[in-house]
Amino acid sequence: MPAVVATLIGITPSVRFGHHGATQAKFIELRRQEGGLVLVTGEHAAIYSVPVPTATLYYVLDLFCRAMAMEGDKPVRSVSDILALVKAAHGF
């Protein structure tokens, strides 16, 4: 999740998670692009792209930050703490 947050806030241009599924061919990737973000997923030749506009990007970022702030069913960190941790991990 920290790698996704880093991409969502623009520290890194993309993040890719691959080698999933029975044949290790499934993947999901988030890439920053002008006007927001694109989510790309697929397996072998079946690849799908879903654009995420900037206005929606903020909701996705909030969702990931709130998930990272939780431990079990209780929040243990603030969203600002999560953002500071991700930035520090990337040297910002």
N, C-alpha and C. Protein backbone atom coordinates (compact mmCIF):
# COMPACT_ATOMS: atom_id res chain seq x y z
N MET A 1 0.81 -1.19 0.00
CA MET A 1 0.00 0.00 0.00
C MET A 1 0.85 1.26 0.00
N PRO A 2 2.00 1.31 0.68
CA PRO A 2 2.81 2.52 0.61
C PRO A 2 3.24 2.87 -0.82
N ALA A 3 3.52 1.86 -1.64
CA ALA A 3 3.92 2.11 -3.02
C ALA A 3 2.76 2.71 -3.82
N VAL A 4 1.55 2.29 -3.55
CA VAL A 4 0.38 2.85 -4.22
C VAL A 4 0.19 4.30 -3.78
N VAL A 5 0.30 4.57 -2.50
CA VAL A 5 0.16 5.94 -2.01
C VAL A 5 1.22 6.84 -2.63
N ALA A 6 2.45 6.34 -2.73
CA ALA A 6 3.53 7.13 -3.34
C ALA A 6 3.19 7.49 -4.78
N THR A 7 2.57 6.58 -5.51
CA THR A 7 2.15 6.87 -6.88
C THR A 7 0.98 7.85 -6.90
N LEU A 8 0.03 7.66 -6.00
CA LEU A 8 -1.13 8.54 -5.96
C LEU A 8 -0.76 9.99 -5.64
N ILE A 9 0.26 10.19 -4.80
CA ILE A 9 0.64 11.57 -4.46
C ILE A 9 1.74 12.11 -5.37
N GLY A 10 2.14 11.32 -6.35
CA GLY A 10 3.08 11.81 -7.36
C GLY A 10 4.55 11.67 -7.05
N ILE A 11 4.90 10.91 -6.04
CA ILE A 11 6.32 10.68 -5.72
C ILE A 11 6.93 9.73 -6.74
N THR A 12 6.20 8.69 -7.11
CA THR A 12 6.66 7.75 -8.12
C THR A 12 5.69 7.78 -9.29
N PRO A 13 6.17 7.53 -10.51
CA PRO A 13 5.29 7.62 -11.67
C PRO A 13 4.35 6.42 -11.83
N SER A 14 4.73 5.28 -11.24
CA SER A 14 3.88 4.10 -11.39
C SER A 14 4.25 3.05 -10.36
N VAL A 15 3.35 2.10 -10.20
CA VAL A 15 3.61 0.93 -9.35
C VAL A 15 2.94 -0.26 -10.03
N ARG A 16 3.63 -1.39 -10.02
CA ARG A 16 3.10 -2.59 -10.69
C ARG A 16 3.24 -3.78 -9.75
N PHE A 17 2.17 -4.55 -9.68
CA PHE A 17 2.15 -5.79 -8.93
C PHE A 17 1.85 -6.90 -9.92
N GLY A 18 2.76 -7.83 -10.06
CA GLY A 18 2.59 -8.86 -11.07
C GLY A 18 2.88 -10.25 -10.57
N HIS A 19 2.84 -11.15 -11.51
CA HIS A 19 3.14 -12.57 -11.27
C HIS A 19 2.13 -13.21 -10.34
N HIS A 20 0.84 -12.96 -10.62
CA HIS A 20 -0.23 -13.54 -9.81
C HIS A 20 -1.03 -14.52 -10.66
N GLY A 21 -1.81 -15.32 -10.02
CA GLY A 21 -2.65 -16.28 -10.71
C GLY A 21 -1.95 -17.61 -10.90
N ALA A 22 -2.69 -18.55 -11.42
CA ALA A 22 -2.19 -19.91 -11.58
C ALA A 22 -0.96 -19.97 -12.50
N THR A 23 -0.95 -19.14 -13.54
CA THR A 23 0.18 -19.14 -14.47
C THR A 23 1.14 -17.98 -14.21
N GLN A 24 0.93 -17.28 -13.12
CA GLN A 24 1.78 -16.15 -12.74
C GLN A 24 1.79 -15.05 -13.81
N ALA A 25 0.70 -14.90 -14.56
CA ALA A 25 0.65 -13.95 -15.66
C ALA A 25 -0.25 -12.74 -15.38
N LYS A 26 -0.96 -12.73 -14.27
CA LYS A 26 -1.85 -11.60 -13.96
C LYS A 26 -1.05 -10.46 -13.35
N PHE A 27 -1.51 -9.24 -13.60
CA PHE A 27 -0.85 -8.06 -13.03
C PHE A 27 -1.87 -6.94 -12.86
N ILE A 28 -1.48 -5.98 -12.06
CA ILE A 28 -2.21 -4.72 -11.92
C ILE A 28 -1.17 -3.62 -11.79
N GLU A 29 -1.42 -2.51 -12.46
CA GLU A 29 -0.46 -1.40 -12.46
C GLU A 29 -1.22 -0.09 -12.38
N LEU A 30 -0.69 0.83 -11.60
CA LEU A 30 -1.21 2.20 -11.54
C LEU A 30 -0.16 3.11 -12.14
N ARG A 31 -0.57 3.96 -13.08
CA ARG A 31 0.35 4.90 -13.72
C ARG A 31 -0.24 6.30 -13.68
N ARG A 32 0.60 7.25 -13.29
CA ARG A 32 0.18 8.65 -13.36
C ARG A 32 0.18 9.07 -14.81
N GLN A 33 -0.77 9.90 -15.16
CA GLN A 33 -0.83 10.45 -16.50
C GLN A 33 -1.50 11.82 -16.40
N GLU A 34 -1.39 12.58 -17.46
CA GLU A 34 -2.02 13.90 -17.45
C GLU A 34 -3.53 13.73 -17.23
N GLY A 35 -4.05 14.48 -16.31
CA GLY A 35 -5.48 14.39 -16.02
C GLY A 35 -5.84 13.33 -15.00
N GLY A 36 -4.85 12.70 -14.38
CA GLY A 36 -5.17 11.73 -13.34
C GLY A 36 -4.26 10.52 -13.33
N LEU A 37 -4.88 9.38 -13.49
CA LEU A 37 -4.20 8.11 -13.29
C LEU A 37 -4.85 7.09 -14.23
N VAL A 38 -4.12 6.07 -14.58
CA VAL A 38 -4.71 4.96 -15.32
C VAL A 38 -4.39 3.68 -14.57
N LEU A 39 -5.40 2.84 -14.41
CA LEU A 39 -5.24 1.53 -13.80
C LEU A 39 -5.23 0.53 -14.94
N VAL A 40 -4.18 -0.26 -15.02
CA VAL A 40 -4.04 -1.26 -16.09
C VAL A 40 -3.97 -2.62 -15.41
N THR A 41 -4.77 -3.55 -15.91
CA THR A 41 -4.75 -4.90 -15.38
C THR A 41 -4.90 -5.89 -16.52
N GLY A 42 -4.46 -7.09 -16.28
CA GLY A 42 -4.61 -8.07 -17.34
C GLY A 42 -3.89 -9.36 -17.06
N GLU A 43 -3.95 -10.19 -18.09
CA GLU A 43 -3.30 -11.50 -18.07
C GLU A 43 -3.02 -11.86 -19.52
N HIS A 44 -1.78 -12.15 -19.83
CA HIS A 44 -1.35 -12.46 -21.20
C HIS A 44 -1.76 -11.33 -22.14
N ALA A 45 -2.53 -11.63 -23.17
CA ALA A 45 -2.91 -10.62 -24.16
C ALA A 45 -4.17 -9.84 -23.77
N ALA A 46 -4.86 -10.26 -22.75
CA ALA A 46 -6.08 -9.57 -22.30
C ALA A 46 -5.69 -8.48 -21.32
N ILE A 47 -5.59 -7.26 -21.81
CA ILE A 47 -5.17 -6.13 -20.98
C ILE A 47 -6.27 -5.08 -21.01
N TYR A 48 -6.59 -4.55 -19.83
CA TYR A 48 -7.65 -3.57 -19.70
C TYR A 48 -7.11 -2.33 -19.01
N SER A 49 -7.48 -1.17 -19.54
CA SER A 49 -7.08 0.11 -18.95
C SER A 49 -8.32 0.85 -18.48
N VAL A 50 -8.23 1.41 -17.28
CA VAL A 50 -9.33 2.19 -16.73
C VAL A 50 -8.78 3.54 -16.30
N PRO A 51 -9.19 4.62 -16.96
CA PRO A 51 -8.72 5.93 -16.53
C PRO A 51 -9.39 6.35 -15.22
N VAL A 52 -8.62 6.99 -14.36
CA VAL A 52 -9.14 7.51 -13.09
C VAL A 52 -8.89 9.01 -13.12
N PRO A 53 -9.95 9.82 -13.28
CA PRO A 53 -9.75 11.27 -13.35
C PRO A 53 -9.24 11.84 -12.03
N THR A 54 -8.60 13.00 -12.12
CA THR A 54 -8.02 13.63 -10.93
C THR A 54 -9.03 13.78 -9.81
N ALA A 55 -10.25 14.16 -10.12
CA ALA A 55 -11.27 14.35 -9.07
C ALA A 55 -11.51 13.06 -8.29
N THR A 56 -11.46 11.92 -8.94
CA THR A 56 -11.65 10.63 -8.28
C THR A 56 -10.40 10.19 -7.56
N LEU A 57 -9.27 10.61 -8.05
CA LEU A 57 -7.97 10.25 -7.46
C LEU A 57 -7.92 10.59 -5.97
N TYR A 58 -8.51 11.69 -5.58
CA TYR A 58 -8.49 12.09 -4.18
C TYR A 58 -9.26 11.11 -3.30
N TYR A 59 -10.35 10.56 -3.81
CA TYR A 59 -11.10 9.58 -3.05
C TYR A 59 -10.31 8.27 -2.90
N VAL A 60 -9.63 7.88 -3.97
CA VAL A 60 -8.81 6.67 -3.92
C VAL A 60 -7.66 6.85 -2.92
N LEU A 61 -7.01 8.01 -2.96
CA LEU A 61 -5.93 8.30 -2.01
C LEU A 61 -6.45 8.26 -0.57
N ASP A 62 -7.59 8.85 -0.33
CA ASP A 62 -8.18 8.83 1.01
C ASP A 62 -8.46 7.40 1.46
N LEU A 63 -8.98 6.58 0.57
CA LEU A 63 -9.28 5.19 0.90
C LEU A 63 -8.01 4.44 1.31
N PHE A 64 -6.93 4.59 0.53
CA PHE A 64 -5.68 3.89 0.86
C PHE A 64 -5.08 4.42 2.16
N CYS A 65 -5.10 5.73 2.36
CA CYS A 65 -4.54 6.29 3.60
C CYS A 65 -5.32 5.83 4.82
N ARG A 66 -6.64 5.82 4.72
CA ARG A 66 -7.45 5.36 5.86
C ARG A 66 -7.20 3.88 6.13
N ALA A 67 -7.04 3.07 5.09
CA ALA A 67 -6.76 1.64 5.28
C ALA A 67 -5.41 1.45 5.95
N MET A 68 -4.41 2.25 5.55
CA MET A 68 -3.09 2.14 6.17
C MET A 68 -3.09 2.62 7.62
N ALA A 69 -4.01 3.49 7.95
CA ALA A 69 -4.08 4.03 9.31
C ALA A 69 -4.70 3.04 10.30
N MET A 70 -5.33 2.00 9.79
CA MET A 70 -6.04 1.06 10.65
C MET A 70 -5.13 -0.07 11.12
N GLU A 71 -5.41 -0.53 12.30
CA GLU A 71 -4.81 -1.75 12.82
C GLU A 71 -5.97 -2.56 13.35
N GLY A 72 -6.30 -3.62 12.65
CA GLY A 72 -7.53 -4.34 12.99
C GLY A 72 -8.71 -3.47 12.61
N ASP A 73 -9.59 -3.23 13.57
CA ASP A 73 -10.75 -2.39 13.28
C ASP A 73 -10.65 -1.01 13.92
N LYS A 74 -9.44 -0.62 14.37
CA LYS A 74 -9.27 0.66 15.03
C LYS A 74 -8.19 1.50 14.34
N PRO A 75 -8.48 2.78 14.14
CA PRO A 75 -7.43 3.64 13.58
C PRO A 75 -6.35 3.89 14.63
N VAL A 76 -5.09 3.74 14.23
CA VAL A 76 -3.98 3.95 15.16
C VAL A 76 -3.06 5.07 14.71
N ARG A 77 -3.27 5.56 13.48
CA ARG A 77 -2.48 6.67 12.95
C ARG A 77 -3.42 7.62 12.22
N SER A 78 -2.95 8.84 12.01
CA SER A 78 -3.73 9.79 11.23
C SER A 78 -3.33 9.69 9.76
N VAL A 79 -4.16 10.20 8.89
CA VAL A 79 -3.84 10.24 7.47
C VAL A 79 -2.57 11.06 7.24
N SER A 80 -2.42 12.16 7.98
CA SER A 80 -1.20 12.98 7.82
C SER A 80 0.04 12.20 8.25
N ASP A 81 -0.09 11.32 9.26
CA ASP A 81 1.03 10.46 9.65
C ASP A 81 1.39 9.50 8.51
N ILE A 82 0.39 8.92 7.88
CA ILE A 82 0.61 8.00 6.76
C ILE A 82 1.34 8.72 5.63
N LEU A 83 0.86 9.90 5.26
CA LEU A 83 1.50 10.65 4.19
C LEU A 83 2.94 11.01 4.54
N ALA A 84 3.19 11.39 5.79
CA ALA A 84 4.55 11.71 6.23
C ALA A 84 5.45 10.48 6.17
N LEU A 85 4.93 9.32 6.56
CA LEU A 85 5.72 8.09 6.51
C LEU A 85 6.08 7.71 5.07
N VAL A 86 5.12 7.82 4.16
CA VAL A 86 5.38 7.49 2.75
C VAL A 86 6.40 8.45 2.16
N LYS A 87 6.25 9.73 2.46
CA LYS A 87 7.21 10.72 1.96
C LYS A 87 8.60 10.47 2.51
N ALA A 88 8.69 10.17 3.80
CA ALA A 88 9.99 9.91 4.42
C ALA A 88 10.66 8.67 3.82
N ALA A 89 9.86 7.66 3.52
CA ALA A 89 10.40 6.44 2.95
C ALA A 89 10.99 6.67 1.56
N HIS A 90 10.54 7.73 0.90
CA HIS A 90 11.02 8.07 -0.45
C HIS A 90 11.97 9.27 -0.43
N GLY A 91 12.42 9.67 0.75
CA GLY A 91 13.40 10.74 0.86
C GLY A 91 12.85 12.14 0.71
N PHE A 92 11.56 12.35 1.00
CA PHE A 92 10.97 13.68 0.92
C PHE A 92 10.68 14.22 2.29
